[in-house]
N, C-alpha and C. Protein backbone atom coordinates (compact mmCIF):
# COMPACT_ATOMS: atom_id res chain seq x y z
N UNK A 1 -11.39 19.78 60.84
CA UNK A 1 -10.96 20.73 59.84
C UNK A 1 -10.13 20.03 58.75
N UNK A 2 -9.26 19.14 59.17
CA UNK A 2 -8.42 18.41 58.23
C UNK A 2 -9.29 17.57 57.29
N UNK A 3 -10.35 16.93 57.84
CA UNK A 3 -11.23 16.10 57.02
C UNK A 3 -11.97 16.95 55.98
N UNK A 4 -12.31 18.17 56.33
CA UNK A 4 -13.00 19.07 55.41
C UNK A 4 -12.08 19.40 54.23
N UNK A 5 -10.82 19.74 54.52
CA UNK A 5 -9.88 20.04 53.44
C UNK A 5 -9.60 18.81 52.58
N UNK A 6 -9.51 17.67 53.26
CA UNK A 6 -9.27 16.42 52.54
C UNK A 6 -10.45 16.12 51.61
N UNK A 7 -11.66 16.35 52.08
CA UNK A 7 -12.86 16.12 51.27
C UNK A 7 -12.91 17.06 50.07
N UNK A 8 -12.54 18.32 50.30
CA UNK A 8 -12.51 19.29 49.20
C UNK A 8 -11.47 18.88 48.16
N UNK A 9 -10.31 18.47 48.65
CA UNK A 9 -9.24 18.05 47.74
C UNK A 9 -9.66 16.83 46.93
N UNK A 10 -10.31 15.86 47.55
CA UNK A 10 -10.78 14.67 46.85
C UNK A 10 -11.84 15.03 45.81
N UNK A 11 -12.71 15.97 46.15
CA UNK A 11 -13.74 16.40 45.21
C UNK A 11 -13.09 17.05 43.99
N UNK A 12 -12.07 17.87 44.21
CA UNK A 12 -11.36 18.51 43.10
C UNK A 12 -10.68 17.47 42.22
N UNK A 13 -10.07 16.48 42.85
CA UNK A 13 -9.39 15.41 42.11
C UNK A 13 -10.40 14.64 41.26
N UNK A 14 -11.56 14.32 41.84
CA UNK A 14 -12.59 13.59 41.10
C UNK A 14 -13.13 14.43 39.94
N UNK A 15 -13.31 15.72 40.18
CA UNK A 15 -13.80 16.61 39.14
C UNK A 15 -12.79 16.68 37.99
N UNK A 16 -11.50 16.78 38.33
CA UNK A 16 -10.44 16.83 37.32
C UNK A 16 -10.38 15.52 36.54
N UNK A 17 -10.53 14.40 37.24
CA UNK A 17 -10.50 13.09 36.58
C UNK A 17 -11.68 12.97 35.61
N UNK A 18 -12.85 13.45 36.00
CA UNK A 18 -14.02 13.40 35.12
C UNK A 18 -13.79 14.29 33.90
N UNK A 19 -13.18 15.45 34.09
CA UNK A 19 -12.89 16.35 32.98
C UNK A 19 -11.92 15.71 32.00
N UNK A 20 -10.88 15.08 32.53
CA UNK A 20 -9.89 14.42 31.68
C UNK A 20 -10.53 13.25 30.92
N UNK A 21 -11.39 12.51 31.59
CA UNK A 21 -12.08 11.39 30.95
C UNK A 21 -12.96 11.89 29.80
N UNK A 22 -13.65 13.00 30.01
CA UNK A 22 -14.50 13.57 28.96
C UNK A 22 -13.65 14.00 27.76
N UNK A 23 -12.50 14.58 28.04
CA UNK A 23 -11.59 14.98 26.95
C UNK A 23 -11.10 13.76 26.20
N UNK A 24 -10.75 12.71 26.91
CA UNK A 24 -10.26 11.48 26.26
C UNK A 24 -11.34 10.86 25.38
N UNK A 25 -12.58 10.87 25.85
CA UNK A 25 -13.69 10.32 25.07
C UNK A 25 -13.87 11.15 23.79
N UNK A 26 -13.85 12.47 23.92
CA UNK A 26 -14.01 13.33 22.75
C UNK A 26 -12.87 13.12 21.75
N UNK A 27 -11.64 13.01 22.26
CA UNK A 27 -10.50 12.78 21.38
C UNK A 27 -10.61 11.44 20.67
N UNK A 28 -11.08 10.41 21.38
CA UNK A 28 -11.24 9.10 20.76
C UNK A 28 -12.29 9.16 19.65
N UNK A 29 -13.38 9.89 19.87
CA UNK A 29 -14.41 10.04 18.85
C UNK A 29 -13.86 10.80 17.64
N UNK A 30 -13.11 11.86 17.89
CA UNK A 30 -12.53 12.64 16.79
C UNK A 30 -11.51 11.81 16.01
N UNK A 31 -10.73 11.00 16.71
CA UNK A 31 -9.74 10.15 16.04
C UNK A 31 -10.45 9.12 15.16
N UNK A 32 -11.51 8.51 15.68
CA UNK A 32 -12.27 7.53 14.89
C UNK A 32 -12.89 8.18 13.67
N UNK A 33 -13.43 9.37 13.83
CA UNK A 33 -14.02 10.09 12.70
C UNK A 33 -12.95 10.43 11.67
N UNK A 34 -11.80 10.88 12.13
CA UNK A 34 -10.70 11.21 11.23
C UNK A 34 -10.25 9.97 10.45
N UNK A 35 -10.11 8.84 11.12
CA UNK A 35 -9.68 7.61 10.45
C UNK A 35 -10.72 7.17 9.41
N UNK A 36 -12.01 7.34 9.74
CA UNK A 36 -13.08 6.98 8.81
C UNK A 36 -13.00 7.87 7.56
N UNK A 37 -12.82 9.17 7.79
CA UNK A 37 -12.72 10.10 6.66
C UNK A 37 -11.50 9.80 5.79
N UNK A 38 -10.38 9.48 6.43
CA UNK A 38 -9.17 9.14 5.67
C UNK A 38 -9.38 7.88 4.84
N UNK A 39 -10.04 6.89 5.42
CA UNK A 39 -10.30 5.64 4.69
C UNK A 39 -11.22 5.90 3.50
N UNK A 40 -12.25 6.73 3.70
CA UNK A 40 -13.16 7.07 2.60
C UNK A 40 -12.41 7.81 1.49
N UNK A 41 -11.58 8.76 1.88
CA UNK A 41 -10.81 9.51 0.89
C UNK A 41 -9.87 8.58 0.12
N UNK A 42 -9.19 7.70 0.83
CA UNK A 42 -8.25 6.78 0.18
C UNK A 42 -8.99 5.89 -0.82
N UNK A 43 -10.17 5.42 -0.45
CA UNK A 43 -10.95 4.57 -1.36
C UNK A 43 -11.38 5.36 -2.60
N UNK A 44 -11.85 6.58 -2.40
CA UNK A 44 -12.26 7.41 -3.54
C UNK A 44 -11.07 7.74 -4.43
N UNK A 45 -9.95 8.07 -3.82
CA UNK A 45 -8.76 8.43 -4.59
C UNK A 45 -8.24 7.24 -5.38
N UNK A 46 -8.26 6.06 -4.77
CA UNK A 46 -7.82 4.85 -5.46
C UNK A 46 -8.71 4.57 -6.66
N UNK A 47 -10.02 4.70 -6.46
CA UNK A 47 -10.95 4.46 -7.56
C UNK A 47 -10.74 5.49 -8.67
N UNK A 48 -10.52 6.74 -8.31
CA UNK A 48 -10.29 7.78 -9.30
C UNK A 48 -9.02 7.51 -10.10
N UNK A 49 -7.95 7.14 -9.40
CA UNK A 49 -6.68 6.87 -10.09
C UNK A 49 -6.79 5.64 -10.99
N UNK A 50 -7.50 4.61 -10.52
CA UNK A 50 -7.70 3.42 -11.35
C UNK A 50 -8.46 3.77 -12.63
N UNK A 51 -9.48 4.61 -12.49
CA UNK A 51 -10.25 5.02 -13.66
C UNK A 51 -9.37 5.82 -14.63
N UNK A 52 -8.53 6.69 -14.08
CA UNK A 52 -7.63 7.47 -14.94
C UNK A 52 -6.65 6.56 -15.67
N UNK A 53 -6.11 5.57 -14.97
CA UNK A 53 -5.16 4.64 -15.59
C UNK A 53 -5.83 3.86 -16.71
N UNK A 54 -7.06 3.40 -16.44
CA UNK A 54 -7.77 2.63 -17.45
C UNK A 54 -8.06 3.50 -18.68
N UNK A 55 -8.51 4.72 -18.45
CA UNK A 55 -8.80 5.64 -19.55
C UNK A 55 -7.53 5.92 -20.36
N UNK A 56 -6.43 6.15 -19.67
CA UNK A 56 -5.17 6.43 -20.34
C UNK A 56 -4.72 5.22 -21.16
N UNK A 57 -4.89 4.05 -20.59
CA UNK A 57 -4.51 2.83 -21.29
C UNK A 57 -5.36 2.64 -22.55
N UNK A 58 -6.66 2.89 -22.42
CA UNK A 58 -7.54 2.75 -23.58
C UNK A 58 -7.18 3.76 -24.67
N UNK A 59 -6.85 4.99 -24.28
CA UNK A 59 -6.46 6.00 -25.26
C UNK A 59 -5.17 5.58 -25.97
N UNK A 60 -4.22 5.06 -25.19
CA UNK A 60 -2.95 4.64 -25.77
C UNK A 60 -3.18 3.50 -26.76
N UNK A 61 -4.01 2.52 -26.39
CA UNK A 61 -4.30 1.40 -27.28
C UNK A 61 -4.98 1.89 -28.56
N UNK A 62 -5.91 2.84 -28.41
CA UNK A 62 -6.61 3.37 -29.58
C UNK A 62 -5.63 4.07 -30.53
N UNK A 63 -4.75 4.89 -29.96
CA UNK A 63 -3.75 5.57 -30.80
C UNK A 63 -2.83 4.56 -31.48
N UNK A 64 -2.45 3.50 -30.77
CA UNK A 64 -1.60 2.46 -31.35
C UNK A 64 -2.31 1.77 -32.50
N UNK A 65 -3.61 1.43 -32.30
CA UNK A 65 -4.38 0.79 -33.38
C UNK A 65 -4.47 1.71 -34.61
N UNK A 66 -4.74 2.98 -34.36
CA UNK A 66 -4.85 3.93 -35.47
C UNK A 66 -3.51 4.04 -36.22
N UNK A 67 -2.42 4.08 -35.47
CA UNK A 67 -1.09 4.18 -36.09
C UNK A 67 -0.79 2.93 -36.92
N UNK A 68 -1.15 1.76 -36.40
CA UNK A 68 -0.95 0.52 -37.16
C UNK A 68 -1.76 0.55 -38.45
N UNK A 69 -3.01 1.02 -38.36
CA UNK A 69 -3.86 1.08 -39.56
C UNK A 69 -3.30 2.07 -40.58
N UNK A 70 -2.77 3.21 -40.10
CA UNK A 70 -2.19 4.20 -41.01
C UNK A 70 -0.98 3.64 -41.74
N UNK A 71 -0.20 2.83 -41.04
CA UNK A 71 1.00 2.26 -41.64
C UNK A 71 0.70 0.97 -42.40
N UNK A 72 -0.54 0.51 -42.35
CA UNK A 72 -0.92 -0.71 -43.06
C UNK A 72 -0.47 -1.97 -42.36
N UNK A 73 -0.17 -1.86 -41.09
CA UNK A 73 0.27 -3.05 -40.34
C UNK A 73 -0.93 -3.68 -39.64
N UNK A 74 -0.75 -4.96 -39.34
CA UNK A 74 -1.81 -5.65 -38.62
C UNK A 74 -1.69 -5.34 -37.12
N UNK A 75 -2.81 -5.09 -36.49
CA UNK A 75 -2.81 -4.80 -35.05
C UNK A 75 -2.64 -6.11 -34.30
N UNK A 76 -1.68 -6.17 -33.37
CA UNK A 76 -1.49 -7.42 -32.61
C UNK A 76 -2.76 -7.80 -31.85
N UNK A 77 -2.97 -9.10 -31.69
CA UNK A 77 -4.19 -9.59 -31.06
C UNK A 77 -4.33 -9.09 -29.62
N UNK A 78 -3.22 -8.95 -28.91
CA UNK A 78 -3.30 -8.50 -27.51
C UNK A 78 -3.68 -7.04 -27.38
N UNK A 79 -3.67 -6.32 -28.49
CA UNK A 79 -4.02 -4.89 -28.47
C UNK A 79 -5.46 -4.65 -28.89
N UNK A 80 -6.18 -5.71 -29.23
CA UNK A 80 -7.56 -5.54 -29.69
C UNK A 80 -8.51 -5.50 -28.53
């Protein structure tokens, strides 16, 4: 009788261990997917911000050139 209860208890423990292992595998997959998505977002956001900075810089340089021309000043070589 004791061996029967011991066998049942061991089966429950093994079943619980398998359940926990399945949860850990799923969590690891979700974590990897989340990290991949975060990396993709960071790369896209960095590219977007770089493009915005470049566009802003070009607009600023253009306005500076126009202002120099309006005032009759020569545009510095580094601004061309």
